[in-house]
Amino acid sequence: MYAIVATEPGGPEVLRWTERPDPDLPPGHVLLDVAATAVNRADLLQRRGLYPPPPGASDILGLECSGVISELGEGVTGWNIGDRVCALLTGGGYAEKVAVPASQLLPVPKGIDLAVAASLPEIACTVWSNIVMTAGLTRGDVLLVHGGGGGIGTHAIQVGKALGAKVAVTASAGKLDRCRELGADLAIDYREQDFVSEVRTAFGGADVVLDNMGAKYLSRNIDVLAPDGRLVVIGMQGGTKGELHLGKLLAKRGHVIATGLRGRPDSGPSGKSAIIDSVRANLWPLIEEAKVHPVVHAELPITEAARAHELLDSPETVGKVVLRIERH
C-alpha cells in the first residue's frame, strides 16, 4: 500500500507519499480500504517529533479515517465486508489501508458523505467523552470552549447547544461570526477581550470549561468557573506547567481534570470502546437529525498532506481539513 510518512522530524515538507507494507490483521480487528482521513493538531506535533505514537501503534500519521471494510479478523461480529464506516485510530490513517479494532468502528451517519465522515471520530469522541461523560454537561449549564474555531471547538459548540447548554467560546476575531452561526451565545476575541469578565458578566461563570491551552489559561480558567465548576484540560498549546491557586479552587468546590484520548486502552469503563458505544448511542442520532453537523474547511487529495498541515495551522481555517484517497 501507499501511505504518508514523515521522513524526519520537521515542517510539512517532510511528508512523503511512499510505499509501505500492508498492515497485519490481528484478531478482533477489521481491515479498511481507506476513503479519507482528517488532519488533527496531534498529527502536526507527531510530524515535528513532539508526539510519538504509543507503544505498538503505527508510525504512520492519522487518528481517524473513513472507508469500507475489506476483511474481517478472527472473532469479529456485528460488521460485514462492504460496510461503510468511520473509525477512531491510534495511528495509521494517512494510508490506503488500515487495521482497526472492531470496537473502534462507527457506521457512517445517515446523510453524511463518506469522505466527510472521516472528520468525525476524533472530535466526536474527544468532545463527548470530555464534556458529557467526564464533566457531566447538562441542560442549562454554561459551557466555555477555548479555540471555538477549530475542529473540536466547532463540534463542541453544536453539541453543547444540542444538549441545552449556553455556550461561550474564545477565538480569533475572524472566526467569531462563524462560531455564532454554529450556535455560540457568546463569542469572545481572545486577543482583545478578557474571557473571565465576559463570561461572568453574561452568565455568572462557566459550569464546564473545555480547554486546549493548558498552563497559559490555568489561573483564568479557575477564575471563570462557577461553583462546582469543572475544568477539563485536553491540550497544552499554552504550556505544560502552571500555578494552581488551591484556595480559589476550594472556595468554588471546583474540579480540574486533564484527559487524553489516544493513549487510552480499548476496554474498561474509560476505554475507547466505552466512548465509542456512548457516542454511537447518544451523539450519532444528533448528527443524523442534523442538530450537529461536520464542519470541514477543505478537502484535498492525500498527496497534498503538506498543504493540509499548513491549512490546519492557518488562522483562517475553521473546522477540519480532510484528505481524500483517490482510487483508480
Protein backbone atom coordinates (compact mmCIF):
# COMPACT_ATOMS: atom_id res chain seq x y z
CA MET A 1 0.00 0.00 0.00
CA TYR A 2 0.93 3.68 -0.11
CA ALA A 3 0.93 5.98 2.90
CA ILE A 4 2.04 9.42 4.02
CA VAL A 5 5.08 9.24 6.31
CA ALA A 6 7.33 11.86 7.85
CA THR A 7 10.84 11.13 6.59
CA GLU A 8 12.30 13.02 9.58
CA PRO A 9 11.04 15.46 12.22
CA GLY A 10 10.32 18.82 10.65
CA GLY A 11 7.90 21.01 8.73
CA PRO A 12 5.18 19.95 6.29
CA GLU A 13 7.79 19.41 3.59
CA VAL A 14 8.99 16.17 5.29
CA LEU A 15 5.71 14.41 4.45
CA ARG A 16 6.03 11.89 1.61
CA TRP A 17 3.56 9.58 -0.21
CA THR A 18 5.52 6.35 -0.21
CA GLU A 19 5.10 2.58 -0.31
CA ARG A 20 4.72 0.74 2.99
CA PRO A 21 3.86 -2.87 3.91
CA ASP A 22 0.18 -3.70 4.18
CA PRO A 23 -1.00 -3.82 7.80
CA ASP A 24 -1.39 -7.12 9.65
CA LEU A 25 -4.90 -8.11 10.69
CA PRO A 26 -4.94 -9.21 14.36
CA PRO A 27 -7.94 -11.00 15.90
CA GLY A 28 -10.76 -8.62 16.75
CA HIS A 29 -9.75 -6.16 14.02
CA VAL A 30 -11.11 -5.29 10.60
CA LEU A 31 -9.18 -4.13 7.55
CA LEU A 32 -10.41 -0.93 5.92
CA ASP A 33 -9.90 0.35 2.41
CA VAL A 34 -9.48 3.97 3.44
CA ALA A 35 -11.57 6.57 1.62
CA ALA A 36 -10.39 9.60 3.58
CA THR A 37 -8.65 10.73 6.73
CA ALA A 38 -8.59 14.05 8.56
CA VAL A 39 -5.83 16.23 9.94
CA ASN A 40 -5.61 16.81 13.70
CA ARG A 41 -3.25 19.00 15.67
CA ALA A 42 -1.69 15.85 17.12
CA ASP A 43 -0.56 14.98 13.58
CA LEU A 44 1.34 18.27 13.36
CA LEU A 45 3.05 17.57 16.68
CA GLN A 46 3.94 14.00 15.64
CA ARG A 47 5.36 15.28 12.35
CA ARG A 48 7.64 17.58 14.34
CA GLY A 49 8.80 14.72 16.59
CA LEU A 50 6.97 16.08 19.64
CA TYR A 51 4.19 13.47 19.99
CA PRO A 52 5.44 9.93 19.38
CA PRO A 53 2.83 7.20 18.88
CA PRO A 54 2.08 4.92 21.85
CA PRO A 55 3.96 1.61 22.01
CA GLY A 56 2.73 -0.78 19.37
CA ALA A 57 0.91 1.87 17.33
CA SER A 58 1.64 2.58 13.67
CA ASP A 59 4.17 5.32 12.99
CA ILE A 60 2.00 6.45 10.07
CA LEU A 61 0.10 9.64 10.88
CA GLY A 62 -3.67 9.75 11.22
CA LEU A 63 -6.01 9.35 14.21
CA GLU A 64 -9.25 8.84 12.29
CA CYS A 65 -10.50 7.73 8.89
CA SER A 66 -13.47 6.59 6.88
CA GLY A 67 -13.67 3.72 4.44
CA VAL A 68 -15.11 0.35 3.52
CA ILE A 69 -14.48 -2.92 5.37
CA SER A 70 -12.50 -5.25 3.09
CA GLU A 71 -11.64 -8.06 5.53
CA LEU A 72 -12.78 -9.29 8.94
CA GLY A 73 -10.31 -10.54 11.52
CA GLU A 74 -10.86 -13.60 13.66
CA GLY A 75 -13.71 -13.23 16.14
CA VAL A 76 -15.27 -10.09 14.66
CA THR A 77 -19.06 -9.99 14.77
CA GLY A 78 -21.60 -7.27 14.05
CA TRP A 79 -19.82 -5.98 10.94
CA ASN A 80 -19.70 -7.18 7.35
CA ILE A 81 -17.37 -6.82 4.39
CA GLY A 82 -18.57 -3.84 2.37
CA ASP A 83 -19.85 -1.85 5.37
CA ARG A 84 -19.18 1.90 5.13
CA VAL A 85 -17.65 3.02 8.41
CA CYS A 86 -15.53 5.62 10.11
CA ALA A 87 -13.01 4.79 12.80
CA LEU A 88 -11.08 6.12 15.75
CA LEU A 89 -7.42 5.20 15.39
CA THR A 90 -4.23 5.18 17.43
CA GLY A 91 -2.35 5.85 14.18
CA GLY A 92 -2.18 4.77 10.55
CA GLY A 93 -4.98 6.81 8.98
CA TYR A 94 -2.88 8.51 6.28
CA ALA A 95 -2.76 5.30 4.23
CA GLU A 96 -4.64 3.28 1.65
CA LYS A 97 -5.35 0.53 4.21
CA VAL A 98 -5.57 0.38 7.98
CA ALA A 99 -6.38 -2.31 10.55
CA VAL A 100 -8.79 -1.13 13.24
CA PRO A 101 -10.17 -2.80 16.39
CA ALA A 102 -13.80 -3.55 15.58
CA SER A 103 -14.78 -1.88 18.85
CA GLN A 104 -13.48 1.46 17.48
CA LEU A 105 -15.71 1.48 14.41
CA LEU A 106 -18.75 3.68 13.87
CA PRO A 107 -21.22 3.46 11.00
CA VAL A 108 -21.17 6.43 8.65
CA PRO A 109 -24.09 8.58 9.87
CA LYS A 110 -27.08 8.75 7.54
CA GLY A 111 -26.86 11.76 5.26
CA ILE A 112 -23.09 12.22 5.68
CA ASP A 113 -20.70 11.81 2.74
CA LEU A 114 -18.16 9.02 3.19
CA ALA A 115 -15.15 11.35 2.90
CA VAL A 116 -16.66 13.95 5.24
CA ALA A 117 -17.30 11.19 7.80
CA ALA A 118 -13.53 10.93 8.24
CA SER A 119 -13.64 14.26 10.08
CA LEU A 120 -15.93 12.98 12.83
CA PRO A 121 -14.45 10.19 15.04
CA GLU A 122 -11.65 12.10 16.78
CA ILE A 123 -13.63 15.26 17.53
CA ALA A 124 -16.82 13.38 18.36
CA CYS A 125 -15.08 11.08 20.84
CA THR A 126 -12.98 13.90 22.31
CA VAL A 127 -15.90 16.28 22.82
CA TRP A 128 -18.43 13.71 24.02
CA SER A 129 -16.06 11.91 26.40
CA ASN A 130 -14.90 15.17 27.97
CA ILE A 131 -17.88 17.48 28.25
CA VAL A 132 -20.53 14.81 28.79
CA MET A 133 -19.01 11.57 30.10
CA THR A 134 -16.35 13.30 32.24
CA ALA A 135 -17.69 16.78 33.04
CA GLY A 136 -21.39 15.88 33.08
CA LEU A 137 -22.67 18.80 30.99
CA THR A 138 -26.45 19.05 31.27
CA ARG A 139 -29.27 21.30 30.10
CA GLY A 140 -28.95 24.83 31.47
CA ASP A 141 -25.21 24.58 32.16
CA VAL A 142 -22.77 27.15 30.82
CA LEU A 143 -20.05 25.67 28.60
CA LEU A 144 -16.91 27.68 27.79
CA VAL A 145 -14.91 26.35 24.83
CA HIS A 146 -11.44 27.67 24.07
CA GLY A 147 -10.44 27.52 20.41
CA GLY A 148 -14.01 27.77 19.16
CA GLY A 149 -13.00 27.95 15.51
CA GLY A 150 -11.06 24.67 15.44
CA GLY A 151 -12.33 21.18 14.73
CA ILE A 152 -13.01 20.38 18.38
CA GLY A 153 -14.38 23.85 19.05
CA THR A 154 -16.86 23.92 16.16
CA HIS A 155 -18.12 20.49 17.20
CA ALA A 156 -18.32 21.34 20.91
CA ILE A 157 -20.42 24.44 20.21
CA GLN A 158 -23.02 22.34 18.41
CA VAL A 159 -23.03 19.52 20.95
CA GLY A 160 -23.40 21.98 23.82
CA LYS A 161 -26.35 23.69 22.16
CA ALA A 162 -27.98 20.38 21.22
CA LEU A 163 -27.83 19.38 24.89
CA GLY A 164 -29.45 22.63 26.00
CA ALA A 165 -26.37 24.40 27.38
CA LYS A 166 -25.43 28.04 26.98
CA VAL A 167 -22.17 28.17 25.04
CA ALA A 168 -19.37 30.73 25.19
CA VAL A 169 -16.24 30.49 23.06
CA THR A 170 -12.90 32.19 22.67
CA ALA A 171 -11.49 32.53 19.16
CA SER A 172 -9.65 34.95 16.91
CA ALA A 173 -11.66 37.88 15.59
CA GLY A 174 -12.04 36.43 12.09
CA LYS A 175 -13.72 33.27 13.40
CA LEU A 176 -16.23 34.80 15.82
CA ASP A 177 -19.08 35.19 13.32
CA ARG A 178 -18.77 31.54 12.27
CA CYS A 179 -18.87 30.49 15.92
CA ARG A 180 -22.09 32.48 16.35
CA GLU A 181 -23.56 30.85 13.24
CA LEU A 182 -22.88 27.45 14.78
CA GLY A 183 -24.80 28.47 17.91
CA ALA A 184 -22.39 30.19 20.29
CA ASP A 185 -24.29 32.51 22.63
CA LEU A 186 -21.15 34.48 23.44
CA ALA A 187 -18.12 34.79 21.15
CA ILE A 188 -15.01 36.36 22.69
CA ASP A 189 -11.97 37.73 20.85
CA TYR A 190 -9.20 36.18 22.92
CA ARG A 191 -6.71 38.86 21.85
CA GLU A 192 -8.83 41.90 22.73
CA GLN A 193 -11.26 40.74 25.42
CA ASP A 194 -10.96 39.19 28.89
CA PHE A 195 -12.90 35.95 28.76
CA VAL A 196 -13.24 35.85 32.55
CA SER A 197 -15.09 39.14 32.80
CA GLU A 198 -17.11 38.48 29.63
CA VAL A 199 -18.40 35.09 30.82
CA ARG A 200 -19.02 36.31 34.37
CA THR A 201 -20.97 39.31 33.11
CA ALA A 202 -23.07 37.25 30.70
CA PHE A 203 -23.65 34.09 32.72
CA GLY A 204 -22.08 34.43 36.18
CA GLY A 205 -19.40 31.87 35.37
CA ALA A 206 -18.88 28.61 33.49
CA ASP A 207 -20.04 25.21 34.73
CA VAL A 208 -17.76 23.39 32.26
CA VAL A 209 -14.60 24.70 30.58
CA LEU A 210 -13.08 22.74 27.68
CA ASP A 211 -9.50 23.96 27.44
CA ASN A 212 -6.83 23.34 24.82
CA MET A 213 -4.30 25.84 26.19
CA GLY A 214 -3.11 24.33 29.46
CA ALA A 215 -0.72 26.38 31.60
CA LYS A 216 -1.33 29.77 29.99
CA TYR A 217 -5.04 29.75 30.82
CA LEU A 218 -4.98 27.76 34.07
CA SER A 219 -5.35 30.66 36.51
CA ARG A 220 -8.03 32.42 34.48
CA ASN A 221 -9.92 29.18 33.92
CA ILE A 222 -10.17 28.75 37.70
CA ASP A 223 -11.37 32.36 37.97
CA VAL A 224 -14.13 31.81 35.40
CA LEU A 225 -15.50 28.63 36.99
CA ALA A 226 -18.93 28.78 38.60
CA PRO A 227 -19.45 26.99 41.93
CA ASP A 228 -18.95 23.22 41.44
CA GLY A 229 -17.48 24.01 38.00
CA ARG A 230 -15.39 21.51 36.03
CA LEU A 231 -12.28 22.47 34.09
CA VAL A 232 -11.26 19.80 31.55
CA VAL A 233 -7.81 20.29 30.03
CA ILE A 234 -7.28 18.45 26.74
CA GLY A 235 -4.32 20.35 25.27
CA MET A 236 -1.14 22.19 26.17
CA GLN A 237 -0.78 24.75 23.39
CA GLY A 238 -0.06 27.35 26.09
CA GLY A 239 2.49 25.34 28.04
CA THR A 240 2.71 22.39 30.41
CA LYS A 241 3.44 23.93 33.82
CA GLY A 242 1.21 26.43 35.61
CA GLU A 243 0.46 27.62 39.14
CA LEU A 244 -2.80 26.41 40.65
CA HIS A 245 -4.47 28.57 43.31
CA LEU A 246 -5.94 25.88 45.55
CA GLY A 247 -7.73 28.43 47.71
CA LYS A 248 -9.82 29.63 44.79
CA LEU A 249 -10.50 26.06 43.72
CA LEU A 250 -11.59 25.03 47.21
CA ALA A 251 -13.86 28.04 47.57
CA LYS A 252 -15.69 27.03 44.38
CA ARG A 253 -15.61 23.28 45.07
CA GLY A 254 -14.05 23.16 41.62
CA HIS A 255 -12.64 20.27 39.64
CA VAL A 256 -9.55 20.28 37.43
CA ILE A 257 -9.35 17.28 35.10
CA ALA A 258 -6.73 16.50 32.47
CA THR A 259 -7.55 13.84 29.89
CA GLY A 260 -6.28 12.38 26.65
CA LEU A 261 -7.82 10.07 24.08
CA ARG A 262 -5.06 8.47 22.03
CA GLY A 263 -3.34 6.58 24.84
CA ARG A 264 -6.49 5.14 26.44
CA PRO A 265 -6.92 1.36 26.46
CA ASP A 266 -9.59 -0.11 24.24
CA SER A 267 -11.56 -1.72 27.06
CA GLY A 268 -12.65 -0.67 30.54
CA PRO A 269 -15.09 1.97 31.81
CA SER A 270 -12.99 4.86 30.45
CA GLY A 271 -11.63 2.98 27.43
CA LYS A 272 -12.14 3.81 23.79
CA SER A 273 -14.80 1.15 23.24
CA ALA A 274 -16.95 2.62 26.03
CA ILE A 275 -16.60 6.07 24.46
CA ILE A 276 -17.48 4.71 21.01
CA ASP A 277 -20.57 3.00 22.42
CA SER A 278 -21.77 6.20 24.10
CA VAL A 279 -21.06 8.31 21.02
CA ARG A 280 -22.97 5.90 18.79
CA ALA A 281 -25.95 5.75 21.15
CA ASN A 282 -26.20 9.44 22.03
CA LEU A 283 -24.31 11.66 19.59
CA TRP A 284 -24.84 9.84 16.28
CA PRO A 285 -28.62 10.46 16.42
CA LEU A 286 -27.95 14.20 16.81
CA ILE A 287 -25.80 14.10 13.67
CA GLU A 288 -28.40 12.13 11.71
CA GLU A 289 -31.06 14.65 12.80
CA ALA A 290 -28.76 17.49 11.58
CA LYS A 291 -28.62 19.03 15.05
CA VAL A 292 -24.84 18.57 14.88
CA HIS A 293 -23.01 18.57 11.55
CA PRO A 294 -19.39 18.22 10.44
CA VAL A 295 -17.56 21.48 9.75
CA VAL A 296 -15.00 20.87 7.00
CA HIS A 297 -12.88 23.77 5.80
CA ALA A 298 -11.27 21.93 2.88
CA GLU A 299 -10.92 18.54 1.20
CA LEU A 300 -7.61 17.76 -0.51
CA PRO A 301 -6.03 14.69 -2.14
CA ILE A 302 -3.87 12.84 0.34
CA THR A 303 -0.82 13.53 -1.79
CA GLU A 304 -1.26 17.17 -0.70
CA ALA A 305 -0.88 16.31 3.00
CA ALA A 306 1.79 19.00 3.41
CA ARG A 307 -0.66 21.65 2.20
CA ALA A 308 -3.31 20.23 4.56
CA HIS A 309 -0.95 20.63 7.53
CA GLU A 310 -0.30 24.23 6.52
CA LEU A 311 -4.04 24.85 6.30
CA LEU A 312 -4.71 23.46 9.77
CA ASP A 313 -2.09 25.85 11.13
CA SER A 314 -3.62 28.81 9.28
CA PRO A 315 -5.59 31.41 11.28
CA GLU A 316 -8.21 31.44 8.50
CA THR A 317 -9.12 27.75 8.80
CA VAL A 318 -12.41 26.96 10.57
CA GLY A 319 -13.15 23.31 11.35
CA LYS A 320 -11.42 20.26 9.89
CA VAL A 321 -9.24 19.53 6.87
CA VAL A 322 -9.96 16.23 5.10
CA LEU A 323 -7.55 14.20 2.95
CA ARG A 324 -9.17 12.01 0.28
CA ILE A 325 -7.61 8.90 -1.21
CA GLU A 326 -8.25 8.69 -4.93
CA ARG A 327 -8.72 5.12 -6.18
CA HIS A 328 -8.43 4.23 -9.85
